[in-house]
């Protein structure tokens, strides 16, 4: 069967010769899936698994434990100003942890609180955070319910966990911006510009 397909790709089958429509159909059958694959790679398959993280919609509330033993709610965080929720792969992704100190100070200068969210067990996340000198708490979404509510699961094919995604939530608890990245580290200037919070 493989030989027959290879042969058909070089010479039209008998009866198809001189019919440009047959050739066009073959190319369309190849091109459409290829274009769809490229779109998913470039744009992350949209805003996640369920569309609840649409810009302008109400931000899903949460009450999550953190690596420092505290519990944090969205309302409590927003009492200090806007928040940037950062959903990442977590342990095993050095760039994901390096991202936190890279952007934390720049966000604080703009009145935005960085809120990292990971799905792995707190002791594992805390150990990795310590390795990168991170002292601020990281929220633990063990059952992935918050990540799911924000549409952060399965982006870029990372089944069962977030990839490298951000949701900017304004003080009125509305989602102001959502960004997904294929790379596991984003320079501060680029991230701020993409989110619309650059000076």
N, C-alpha and C. Protein backbone atom coordinates (compact mmCIF):
# COMPACT_ATOMS: atom_id res chain seq x y z
N UNK A 1 0.82 -1.21 0.00
CA UNK A 1 0.00 0.00 0.00
C UNK A 1 0.85 1.25 0.00
N UNK A 2 1.97 1.20 0.73
CA UNK A 2 2.87 2.35 0.77
C UNK A 2 3.42 2.66 -0.60
N UNK A 3 3.82 1.61 -1.36
CA UNK A 3 4.37 1.83 -2.70
C UNK A 3 3.34 2.47 -3.61
N UNK A 4 2.10 2.03 -3.50
CA UNK A 4 1.05 2.59 -4.36
C UNK A 4 0.86 4.08 -4.08
N UNK A 5 0.87 4.46 -2.80
CA UNK A 5 0.71 5.87 -2.46
C UNK A 5 1.87 6.70 -2.96
N UNK A 6 3.11 6.17 -2.84
CA UNK A 6 4.27 6.90 -3.31
C UNK A 6 4.21 7.10 -4.82
N UNK A 7 3.77 6.07 -5.50
CA UNK A 7 3.69 6.15 -6.96
C UNK A 7 2.66 7.19 -7.37
N UNK A 8 1.54 7.21 -6.65
CA UNK A 8 0.47 8.15 -6.99
C UNK A 8 0.90 9.59 -6.79
N UNK A 9 1.82 9.82 -5.88
CA UNK A 9 2.24 11.19 -5.64
C UNK A 9 3.11 11.74 -6.75
N UNK A 10 3.71 10.85 -7.56
CA UNK A 10 4.58 11.29 -8.65
C UNK A 10 3.87 11.30 -10.01
N UNK A 11 2.90 10.45 -10.17
CA UNK A 11 2.19 10.37 -11.46
C UNK A 11 0.72 10.20 -11.20
N UNK A 12 -0.11 10.95 -11.90
CA UNK A 12 -1.55 10.81 -11.69
C UNK A 12 -2.03 9.41 -12.08
N UNK A 13 -2.99 8.92 -11.33
CA UNK A 13 -3.55 7.61 -11.63
C UNK A 13 -4.28 7.65 -12.96
N UNK A 14 -4.41 6.50 -13.57
CA UNK A 14 -5.09 6.42 -14.86
C UNK A 14 -6.51 6.94 -14.69
N UNK A 15 -6.92 7.81 -15.59
CA UNK A 15 -8.25 8.39 -15.51
C UNK A 15 -8.22 9.75 -14.83
N UNK A 16 -7.14 10.04 -14.04
CA UNK A 16 -7.05 11.33 -13.37
C UNK A 16 -6.20 12.28 -14.19
N UNK A 17 -5.45 11.76 -15.20
CA UNK A 17 -4.58 12.59 -16.03
C UNK A 17 -5.40 13.66 -16.73
N UNK A 18 -4.89 14.90 -16.65
CA UNK A 18 -5.55 15.99 -17.34
C UNK A 18 -6.72 16.59 -16.56
N UNK A 19 -6.93 16.12 -15.31
CA UNK A 19 -8.00 16.67 -14.49
C UNK A 19 -7.38 17.48 -13.34
N UNK A 20 -7.24 18.79 -13.52
CA UNK A 20 -6.61 19.60 -12.49
C UNK A 20 -7.37 19.57 -11.17
N UNK A 21 -8.65 19.31 -11.19
CA UNK A 21 -9.44 19.27 -9.96
C UNK A 21 -8.97 18.18 -9.01
N UNK A 22 -8.58 17.02 -9.56
CA UNK A 22 -8.12 15.91 -8.73
C UNK A 22 -6.85 16.29 -7.99
N UNK A 23 -5.93 16.95 -8.69
CA UNK A 23 -4.68 17.38 -8.07
C UNK A 23 -4.96 18.42 -6.99
N UNK A 24 -5.86 19.34 -7.25
CA UNK A 24 -6.20 20.37 -6.29
C UNK A 24 -6.80 19.77 -5.03
N UNK A 25 -7.64 18.75 -5.20
CA UNK A 25 -8.25 18.10 -4.04
C UNK A 25 -7.19 17.42 -3.17
N UNK A 26 -6.20 16.78 -3.83
CA UNK A 26 -5.13 16.12 -3.07
C UNK A 26 -4.35 17.15 -2.25
N UNK A 27 -4.01 18.29 -2.87
CA UNK A 27 -3.24 19.33 -2.17
C UNK A 27 -4.07 19.95 -1.04
N UNK A 28 -5.36 20.12 -1.26
CA UNK A 28 -6.23 20.68 -0.22
C UNK A 28 -6.28 19.75 0.98
N UNK A 29 -6.36 18.46 0.72
CA UNK A 29 -6.42 17.47 1.80
C UNK A 29 -5.15 17.50 2.65
N UNK A 30 -4.04 17.86 2.05
CA UNK A 30 -2.77 17.95 2.78
C UNK A 30 -2.64 19.32 3.44
N UNK A 31 -3.01 20.37 2.73
CA UNK A 31 -2.75 21.74 3.19
C UNK A 31 -3.61 22.13 4.39
N UNK A 32 -4.89 21.76 4.40
CA UNK A 32 -5.77 22.20 5.47
C UNK A 32 -5.31 21.68 6.84
N UNK A 33 -5.00 20.38 7.01
CA UNK A 33 -4.50 19.94 8.31
C UNK A 33 -3.17 20.59 8.67
N UNK A 34 -2.31 20.81 7.68
CA UNK A 34 -1.01 21.44 7.96
C UNK A 34 -1.19 22.86 8.47
N UNK A 35 -2.09 23.61 7.84
CA UNK A 35 -2.35 24.99 8.28
C UNK A 35 -2.94 24.99 9.69
N UNK A 36 -3.84 24.06 9.96
CA UNK A 36 -4.45 23.98 11.29
C UNK A 36 -3.40 23.68 12.36
N UNK A 37 -2.45 22.79 12.03
CA UNK A 37 -1.39 22.45 12.98
C UNK A 37 -0.51 23.66 13.27
N UNK A 38 -0.15 24.39 12.23
CA UNK A 38 0.66 25.60 12.41
C UNK A 38 -0.08 26.62 13.26
N UNK A 39 -1.38 26.77 13.04
CA UNK A 39 -2.18 27.73 13.82
C UNK A 39 -2.18 27.37 15.29
N UNK A 40 -2.32 26.08 15.59
CA UNK A 40 -2.30 25.64 16.99
C UNK A 40 -0.95 25.93 17.62
N UNK A 41 0.13 25.67 16.86
CA UNK A 41 1.47 25.92 17.39
C UNK A 41 1.70 27.40 17.65
N UNK A 42 1.20 28.24 16.76
CA UNK A 42 1.43 29.68 16.89
C UNK A 42 0.54 30.33 17.93
N UNK A 43 -0.72 29.90 18.00
CA UNK A 43 -1.68 30.59 18.83
C UNK A 43 -2.16 29.78 20.03
N UNK A 44 -1.62 28.59 20.20
CA UNK A 44 -1.92 27.83 21.40
C UNK A 44 -3.30 27.22 21.44
N UNK A 45 -3.94 27.11 20.30
CA UNK A 45 -5.25 26.48 20.30
C UNK A 45 -6.30 27.33 20.99
N UNK A 46 -6.16 28.65 20.92
CA UNK A 46 -7.14 29.53 21.54
C UNK A 46 -6.79 29.83 22.97
N UNK A 47 -7.80 30.08 23.80
CA UNK A 47 -7.56 30.54 25.15
C UNK A 47 -7.62 29.42 26.16
N UNK A 48 -7.57 28.18 25.74
CA UNK A 48 -7.53 27.10 26.69
C UNK A 48 -8.63 26.10 26.45
N UNK A 49 -8.96 25.37 27.50
CA UNK A 49 -9.82 24.22 27.32
C UNK A 49 -11.30 24.54 27.31
N UNK A 50 -11.73 25.64 27.94
CA UNK A 50 -13.17 25.85 28.02
C UNK A 50 -13.63 27.27 27.72
N UNK A 51 -12.73 28.15 27.37
CA UNK A 51 -13.11 29.49 26.97
C UNK A 51 -13.51 30.43 28.09
N UNK A 52 -13.45 29.98 29.36
CA UNK A 52 -13.86 30.84 30.47
C UNK A 52 -12.87 31.97 30.72
N UNK A 53 -11.69 31.89 30.12
CA UNK A 53 -10.69 32.93 30.35
C UNK A 53 -10.78 34.03 29.30
N UNK A 54 -11.96 34.19 28.67
CA UNK A 54 -12.13 35.20 27.63
C UNK A 54 -11.92 36.59 28.21
N UNK A 55 -11.20 37.41 27.47
CA UNK A 55 -10.95 38.78 27.89
C UNK A 55 -12.28 39.52 28.06
N UNK A 56 -12.40 40.23 29.17
CA UNK A 56 -13.62 40.98 29.47
C UNK A 56 -14.59 40.25 30.36
N UNK A 57 -14.39 38.95 30.53
CA UNK A 57 -15.30 38.17 31.38
C UNK A 57 -14.88 38.26 32.84
N UNK A 58 -15.78 37.86 33.73
CA UNK A 58 -15.47 37.84 35.15
C UNK A 58 -14.42 36.78 35.43
N UNK A 59 -13.45 37.12 36.25
CA UNK A 59 -12.39 36.17 36.60
C UNK A 59 -12.92 35.15 37.59
N UNK A 60 -12.73 33.86 37.31
CA UNK A 60 -13.18 32.84 38.27
C UNK A 60 -12.51 33.03 39.63
N UNK A 61 -13.29 32.98 40.68
CA UNK A 61 -12.77 33.14 42.03
C UNK A 61 -12.00 31.88 42.43
N UNK A 62 -11.17 32.00 43.45
CA UNK A 62 -10.47 30.82 43.96
C UNK A 62 -10.05 31.04 45.40
N UNK A 63 -9.76 29.93 46.05
CA UNK A 63 -9.22 29.91 47.41
C UNK A 63 -8.23 28.75 47.42
N UNK A 64 -6.94 29.07 47.32
CA UNK A 64 -5.92 28.05 47.14
C UNK A 64 -4.85 28.10 48.23
N UNK A 65 -4.29 26.93 48.57
CA UNK A 65 -3.16 26.92 49.50
C UNK A 65 -1.90 27.39 48.77
N UNK A 66 -0.95 27.90 49.54
CA UNK A 66 0.30 28.38 48.96
C UNK A 66 1.48 27.65 49.59
N UNK A 67 2.62 27.78 48.96
CA UNK A 67 3.83 27.08 49.43
C UNK A 67 4.30 27.56 50.80
N UNK A 68 3.85 28.73 51.25
CA UNK A 68 4.25 29.22 52.58
C UNK A 68 3.27 28.80 53.67
N UNK A 69 2.29 27.95 53.33
CA UNK A 69 1.33 27.47 54.31
C UNK A 69 0.07 28.31 54.42
N UNK A 70 0.04 29.45 53.77
CA UNK A 70 -1.14 30.31 53.81
C UNK A 70 -2.18 29.85 52.79
N UNK A 71 -3.35 30.49 52.83
CA UNK A 71 -4.35 30.31 51.79
C UNK A 71 -4.60 31.68 51.18
N UNK A 72 -4.81 31.71 49.87
CA UNK A 72 -5.03 32.99 49.20
C UNK A 72 -6.28 32.92 48.33
N UNK A 73 -7.02 34.01 48.36
CA UNK A 73 -8.22 34.12 47.54
C UNK A 73 -8.01 35.21 46.49
N UNK A 74 -8.78 35.14 45.43
CA UNK A 74 -8.68 36.18 44.41
C UNK A 74 -9.07 37.54 44.99
N UNK A 75 -10.13 37.58 45.79
CA UNK A 75 -10.57 38.85 46.39
C UNK A 75 -9.48 39.45 47.26
N UNK A 76 -8.81 38.61 48.04
CA UNK A 76 -7.75 39.10 48.92
C UNK A 76 -6.58 39.68 48.13
N UNK A 77 -6.24 39.04 47.04
CA UNK A 77 -5.14 39.51 46.19
C UNK A 77 -5.51 40.81 45.51
N UNK A 78 -6.73 40.89 45.01
CA UNK A 78 -7.17 42.08 44.28
C UNK A 78 -7.37 43.29 45.19
N UNK A 79 -7.44 43.07 46.50
CA UNK A 79 -7.54 44.19 47.43
C UNK A 79 -6.29 45.06 47.35
N UNK A 80 -5.19 44.49 46.87
CA UNK A 80 -3.92 45.22 46.74
C UNK A 80 -3.76 45.86 45.36
N UNK A 81 -4.64 45.54 44.42
CA UNK A 81 -4.52 46.06 43.06
C UNK A 81 -4.73 44.94 42.05
N UNK A 82 -4.39 45.19 40.80
CA UNK A 82 -4.52 44.17 39.75
C UNK A 82 -3.57 43.01 40.01
N UNK A 83 -3.87 41.86 39.41
CA UNK A 83 -3.05 40.67 39.60
C UNK A 83 -2.76 40.01 38.26
N UNK A 84 -1.54 39.50 38.13
CA UNK A 84 -1.19 38.70 36.96
C UNK A 84 -1.06 37.26 37.40
N UNK A 85 -2.04 36.44 37.03
CA UNK A 85 -2.01 35.02 37.34
C UNK A 85 -1.10 34.34 36.32
N UNK A 86 -0.12 33.62 36.82
CA UNK A 86 0.88 32.98 35.96
C UNK A 86 0.78 31.47 36.14
N UNK A 87 0.22 30.81 35.13
CA UNK A 87 0.04 29.35 35.15
C UNK A 87 1.19 28.72 34.36
N UNK A 88 1.94 27.84 35.02
CA UNK A 88 3.10 27.25 34.33
C UNK A 88 3.20 25.75 34.58
N UNK A 89 4.11 25.12 33.85
CA UNK A 89 4.32 23.67 33.99
C UNK A 89 4.86 23.31 35.37
N UNK A 90 5.63 24.22 35.98
CA UNK A 90 6.14 23.96 37.32
C UNK A 90 7.42 23.14 37.34
N UNK A 91 7.61 22.30 38.37
CA UNK A 91 8.84 21.52 38.51
C UNK A 91 9.18 20.74 37.24
N UNK A 92 10.46 20.79 36.89
CA UNK A 92 10.91 20.18 35.65
C UNK A 92 11.10 21.20 34.55
N UNK A 93 10.62 22.41 34.79
CA UNK A 93 10.74 23.51 33.82
C UNK A 93 11.49 24.66 34.49
N UNK A 94 12.80 24.71 34.29
CA UNK A 94 13.61 25.76 34.92
C UNK A 94 13.18 27.16 34.47
N UNK A 95 12.84 27.29 33.19
CA UNK A 95 12.42 28.59 32.69
C UNK A 95 11.17 29.10 33.39
N UNK A 96 10.28 28.17 33.78
CA UNK A 96 9.05 28.55 34.46
C UNK A 96 9.35 29.22 35.80
N UNK A 97 10.34 28.69 36.51
CA UNK A 97 10.72 29.28 37.80
C UNK A 97 11.54 30.55 37.60
N UNK A 98 12.44 30.55 36.63
CA UNK A 98 13.25 31.73 36.35
C UNK A 98 12.38 32.92 35.95
N UNK A 99 11.20 32.64 35.40
CA UNK A 99 10.28 33.70 34.98
C UNK A 99 9.81 34.55 36.16
N UNK A 100 9.66 33.94 37.32
CA UNK A 100 9.07 34.63 38.48
C UNK A 100 9.92 35.81 38.95
N UNK A 101 11.19 35.62 39.31
CA UNK A 101 11.98 36.80 39.71
C UNK A 101 12.24 37.75 38.54
N UNK A 102 12.20 37.25 37.31
CA UNK A 102 12.41 38.09 36.14
C UNK A 102 11.35 39.19 36.02
N UNK A 103 10.11 38.87 36.35
CA UNK A 103 9.02 39.84 36.12
C UNK A 103 8.42 40.41 37.40
N UNK A 104 8.71 39.82 38.54
CA UNK A 104 8.07 40.21 39.80
C UNK A 104 8.23 41.70 40.12
N UNK A 105 9.46 42.19 40.08
CA UNK A 105 9.73 43.58 40.45
C UNK A 105 9.09 44.56 39.45
N UNK A 106 9.22 44.26 38.18
CA UNK A 106 8.65 45.14 37.14
C UNK A 106 7.14 45.25 37.29
N UNK A 107 6.49 44.15 37.64
CA UNK A 107 5.04 44.18 37.85
C UNK A 107 4.68 44.99 39.09
N UNK A 108 5.43 44.77 40.17
CA UNK A 108 5.16 45.49 41.43
C UNK A 108 5.27 47.00 41.22
N UNK A 109 6.22 47.42 40.40
CA UNK A 109 6.38 48.85 40.10
C UNK A 109 5.15 49.42 39.40
N UNK A 110 4.39 48.57 38.75
CA UNK A 110 3.20 49.00 38.02
C UNK A 110 1.91 48.71 38.79
N UNK A 111 2.06 48.33 40.06
CA UNK A 111 0.89 48.06 40.89
C UNK A 111 0.20 46.75 40.59
N UNK A 112 0.94 45.81 40.01
CA UNK A 112 0.37 44.50 39.67
C UNK A 112 1.04 43.42 40.52
N UNK A 113 0.24 42.60 41.17
CA UNK A 113 0.77 41.50 41.98
C UNK A 113 0.92 40.25 41.12
N UNK A 114 2.12 39.66 41.13
CA UNK A 114 2.34 38.41 40.40
C UNK A 114 1.86 37.25 41.27
N UNK A 115 1.03 36.38 40.67
CA UNK A 115 0.47 35.24 41.39
C UNK A 115 0.77 33.96 40.61
N UNK A 116 1.91 33.30 40.91
CA UNK A 116 2.23 32.04 40.24
C UNK A 116 1.31 30.93 40.73
N UNK A 117 0.85 30.10 39.79
CA UNK A 117 -0.03 28.97 40.11
C UNK A 117 0.56 27.72 39.47
N UNK A 118 0.76 26.68 40.27
CA UNK A 118 1.29 25.41 39.76
C UNK A 118 0.44 24.27 40.28
N UNK A 119 0.50 23.12 39.61
CA UNK A 119 -0.38 22.01 39.96
C UNK A 119 0.31 20.88 40.72
N UNK A 120 1.62 20.98 40.90
CA UNK A 120 2.37 19.92 41.58
C UNK A 120 2.27 20.07 43.10
N UNK A 121 2.66 19.02 43.85
CA UNK A 121 2.59 19.08 45.32
C UNK A 121 3.42 20.23 45.88
N UNK A 122 2.93 20.85 46.94
CA UNK A 122 3.58 22.02 47.54
C UNK A 122 5.04 21.78 47.92
N UNK A 123 5.41 20.65 48.54
CA UNK A 123 6.81 20.46 48.91
C UNK A 123 7.75 20.46 47.70
N UNK A 124 7.31 19.85 46.61
CA UNK A 124 8.12 19.81 45.39
C UNK A 124 8.27 21.22 44.80
N UNK A 125 7.17 21.95 44.75
CA UNK A 125 7.21 23.32 44.22
C UNK A 125 8.08 24.20 45.11
N UNK A 126 7.93 24.07 46.42
CA UNK A 126 8.71 24.90 47.36
C UNK A 126 10.20 24.63 47.23
N UNK A 127 10.58 23.37 47.04
CA UNK A 127 12.00 23.03 46.90
C UNK A 127 12.58 23.65 45.63
N UNK A 128 11.83 23.61 44.55
CA UNK A 128 12.29 24.22 43.30
C UNK A 128 12.36 25.74 43.42
N UNK A 129 11.38 26.32 44.10
CA UNK A 129 11.36 27.77 44.30
C UNK A 129 12.60 28.21 45.08
N UNK A 130 12.94 27.44 46.09
CA UNK A 130 14.13 27.76 46.90
C UNK A 130 15.39 27.72 46.05
N UNK A 131 15.46 26.78 45.14
CA UNK A 131 16.62 26.65 44.26
C UNK A 131 16.80 27.90 43.41
N UNK A 132 15.71 28.58 43.09
CA UNK A 132 15.78 29.79 42.26
C UNK A 132 15.73 31.07 43.10
N UNK A 133 15.81 30.92 44.42
CA UNK A 133 15.80 32.09 45.29
C UNK A 133 14.47 32.79 45.37
N UNK A 134 13.40 32.07 45.11
CA UNK A 134 12.05 32.66 45.14
C UNK A 134 11.50 32.55 46.56
N UNK A 135 11.16 33.68 47.15
CA UNK A 135 10.64 33.68 48.51
C UNK A 135 9.14 33.97 48.57
N UNK A 136 8.59 34.50 47.50
CA UNK A 136 7.15 34.78 47.47
C UNK A 136 6.37 33.48 47.31
N UNK A 137 5.15 33.41 47.84
CA UNK A 137 4.38 32.17 47.77
C UNK A 137 3.92 31.82 46.36
N UNK A 138 3.85 30.53 46.10
CA UNK A 138 3.31 30.00 44.85
C UNK A 138 2.04 29.24 45.20
N UNK A 139 0.95 29.52 44.51
CA UNK A 139 -0.31 28.85 44.80
C UNK A 139 -0.33 27.46 44.20
N UNK A 140 -0.95 26.54 44.92
CA UNK A 140 -1.01 25.13 44.51
C UNK A 140 -2.43 24.75 44.12
N UNK A 141 -2.60 24.45 42.85
CA UNK A 141 -3.90 24.07 42.28
C UNK A 141 -3.89 22.56 42.04
N UNK A 142 -3.88 21.80 43.13
CA UNK A 142 -3.67 20.35 43.05
C UNK A 142 -4.70 19.63 42.20
N UNK A 143 -5.96 20.05 42.28
CA UNK A 143 -6.99 19.35 41.49
C UNK A 143 -7.21 20.00 40.12
N UNK A 144 -6.41 21.02 39.82
CA UNK A 144 -6.42 21.69 38.51
C UNK A 144 -7.73 22.44 38.23
N UNK A 145 -8.57 22.61 39.22
CA UNK A 145 -9.87 23.24 38.99
C UNK A 145 -9.73 24.71 38.61
N UNK A 146 -8.78 25.41 39.23
CA UNK A 146 -8.60 26.83 38.91
C UNK A 146 -7.97 26.98 37.52
N UNK A 147 -6.98 26.15 37.25
CA UNK A 147 -6.35 26.17 35.92
C UNK A 147 -7.38 25.88 34.83
N UNK A 148 -8.27 24.94 35.10
CA UNK A 148 -9.34 24.61 34.16
C UNK A 148 -10.29 25.80 34.00
N UNK A 149 -10.67 26.43 35.11
CA UNK A 149 -11.62 27.53 35.06
C UNK A 149 -11.10 28.70 34.24
N UNK A 150 -9.78 28.89 34.26
CA UNK A 150 -9.17 29.96 33.48
C UNK A 150 -8.77 29.51 32.07
N UNK A 151 -9.06 28.26 31.73
CA UNK A 151 -8.76 27.76 30.39
C UNK A 151 -7.29 27.57 30.12
N UNK A 152 -6.53 27.15 31.14
CA UNK A 152 -5.08 27.06 31.01
C UNK A 152 -4.57 25.62 30.83
N UNK A 153 -5.44 24.65 30.83
CA UNK A 153 -5.02 23.25 30.70
C UNK A 153 -5.00 22.85 29.23
N UNK A 154 -3.93 22.16 28.83
CA UNK A 154 -3.87 21.60 27.48
C UNK A 154 -3.39 22.54 26.40
N UNK A 155 -2.97 23.76 26.77
CA UNK A 155 -2.47 24.71 25.78
C UNK A 155 -1.13 24.22 25.25
N UNK A 156 -0.94 24.30 23.94
CA UNK A 156 0.27 23.81 23.27
C UNK A 156 0.49 22.32 23.52
N UNK A 157 -0.59 21.59 23.71
CA UNK A 157 -0.50 20.14 23.80
C UNK A 157 -0.03 19.60 25.13
N UNK A 158 0.08 20.47 26.16
CA UNK A 158 0.50 19.99 27.49
C UNK A 158 -0.72 19.45 28.22
N UNK A 159 -1.02 18.20 27.97
CA UNK A 159 -2.22 17.59 28.55
C UNK A 159 -2.11 17.51 30.07
N UNK A 160 -3.19 17.88 30.75
CA UNK A 160 -3.25 17.72 32.20
C UNK A 160 -2.56 18.79 33.01
N UNK A 161 -1.92 19.76 32.36
CA UNK A 161 -1.26 20.83 33.11
C UNK A 161 -1.12 22.07 32.25
N UNK A 162 -0.90 23.21 32.90
CA UNK A 162 -0.67 24.43 32.12
C UNK A 162 0.65 24.37 31.38
N UNK A 163 0.84 25.30 30.47
CA UNK A 163 2.09 25.42 29.71
C UNK A 163 2.87 26.61 30.23
N UNK A 164 2.64 27.79 29.68
CA UNK A 164 3.30 29.02 30.11
C UNK A 164 2.34 30.14 29.75
N UNK A 165 1.39 30.38 30.65
CA UNK A 165 0.26 31.24 30.32
C UNK A 165 -0.02 32.25 31.42
N UNK A 166 -0.60 33.38 31.00
CA UNK A 166 -0.84 34.49 31.92
C UNK A 166 -2.26 35.02 31.74
N UNK A 167 -2.89 35.38 32.86
CA UNK A 167 -4.19 36.05 32.83
C UNK A 167 -4.08 37.29 33.71
N UNK A 168 -4.22 38.46 33.11
CA UNK A 168 -4.19 39.72 33.85
C UNK A 168 -5.61 40.01 34.33
N UNK A 169 -5.77 40.14 35.65
CA UNK A 169 -7.08 40.39 36.24
C UNK A 169 -7.07 41.78 36.87
N UNK A 170 -8.00 42.63 36.46
CA UNK A 170 -8.03 43.99 37.01
C UNK A 170 -8.68 44.00 38.38
N UNK A 171 -8.64 45.16 39.05
CA UNK A 171 -9.13 45.23 40.42
C UNK A 171 -10.63 45.02 40.52
N UNK A 172 -11.32 45.13 39.41
CA UNK A 172 -12.75 44.85 39.38
C UNK A 172 -13.06 43.38 39.13
N UNK A 173 -12.02 42.54 39.19
CA UNK A 173 -12.15 41.08 39.00
C UNK A 173 -12.61 40.70 37.59
N UNK A 174 -12.19 41.48 36.59
CA UNK A 174 -12.44 41.15 35.19
C UNK A 174 -11.12 40.77 34.54
N UNK A 175 -11.16 39.84 33.60
CA UNK A 175 -9.95 39.44 32.88
C UNK A 175 -9.64 40.50 31.82
N UNK A 176 -8.50 41.14 31.98
CA UNK A 176 -8.12 42.23 31.08
C UNK A 176 -7.30 41.75 29.90
N UNK A 177 -6.56 40.65 30.08
CA UNK A 177 -5.70 40.15 29.01
C UNK A 177 -5.31 38.71 29.30
N UNK A 178 -5.12 37.93 28.25
CA UNK A 178 -4.67 36.54 28.37
C UNK A 178 -3.58 36.31 27.33
N UNK A 179 -2.47 35.72 27.75
CA UNK A 179 -1.38 35.41 26.82
C UNK A 179 -0.87 33.99 27.08
N UNK A 180 -0.68 33.24 25.99
CA UNK A 180 -0.09 31.90 26.05
C UNK A 180 1.20 31.92 25.24
N UNK A 181 2.22 31.22 25.74
CA UNK A 181 3.51 31.18 25.05
C UNK A 181 3.97 29.74 24.86
N UNK A 182 4.55 29.49 23.69
CA UNK A 182 5.13 28.16 23.44
C UNK A 182 6.46 28.02 24.15
N UNK A 183 7.20 29.14 24.25
CA UNK A 183 8.48 29.09 24.97
C UNK A 183 8.25 29.17 26.47
N UNK A 184 9.20 28.64 27.24
CA UNK A 184 9.03 28.55 28.69
C UNK A 184 9.68 29.70 29.45
N UNK A 185 10.04 30.78 28.76
CA UNK A 185 10.57 31.98 29.41
C UNK A 185 10.32 33.14 28.46
N UNK A 186 9.76 34.22 28.98
CA UNK A 186 9.43 35.37 28.16
C UNK A 186 10.12 36.60 28.76
N UNK A 187 10.91 37.34 27.98
CA UNK A 187 11.56 38.55 28.50
C UNK A 187 10.52 39.54 29.02
N UNK A 188 10.88 40.26 30.07
CA UNK A 188 9.95 41.17 30.73
C UNK A 188 9.33 42.18 29.78
N UNK A 189 10.16 42.85 28.97
CA UNK A 189 9.64 43.89 28.07
C UNK A 189 8.58 43.34 27.13
N UNK A 190 8.83 42.15 26.59
CA UNK A 190 7.87 41.54 25.67
C UNK A 190 6.57 41.18 26.39
N UNK A 191 6.69 40.59 27.57
CA UNK A 191 5.50 40.18 28.31
C UNK A 191 4.64 41.39 28.67
N UNK A 192 5.27 42.44 29.20
CA UNK A 192 4.52 43.64 29.57
C UNK A 192 3.82 44.25 28.38
N UNK A 193 4.53 44.29 27.24
CA UNK A 193 3.93 44.86 26.03
C UNK A 193 2.75 44.00 25.56
N UNK A 194 2.92 42.68 25.58
CA UNK A 194 1.84 41.78 25.14
C UNK A 194 0.61 41.92 26.01
N UNK A 195 0.83 42.13 27.31
CA UNK A 195 -0.28 42.24 28.26
C UNK A 195 -0.90 43.64 28.29
N UNK A 196 -0.20 44.59 27.65
CA UNK A 196 -0.70 45.96 27.61
C UNK A 196 -0.46 46.72 28.89
N UNK A 197 0.58 46.35 29.65
CA UNK A 197 0.88 47.07 30.90
C UNK A 197 2.27 47.68 30.88
N UNK A 198 2.88 47.79 29.71
CA UNK A 198 4.19 48.44 29.63
C UNK A 198 4.02 49.94 29.80
N UNK A 199 5.08 50.60 30.29
CA UNK A 199 5.04 52.07 30.44
C UNK A 199 5.03 52.73 29.08
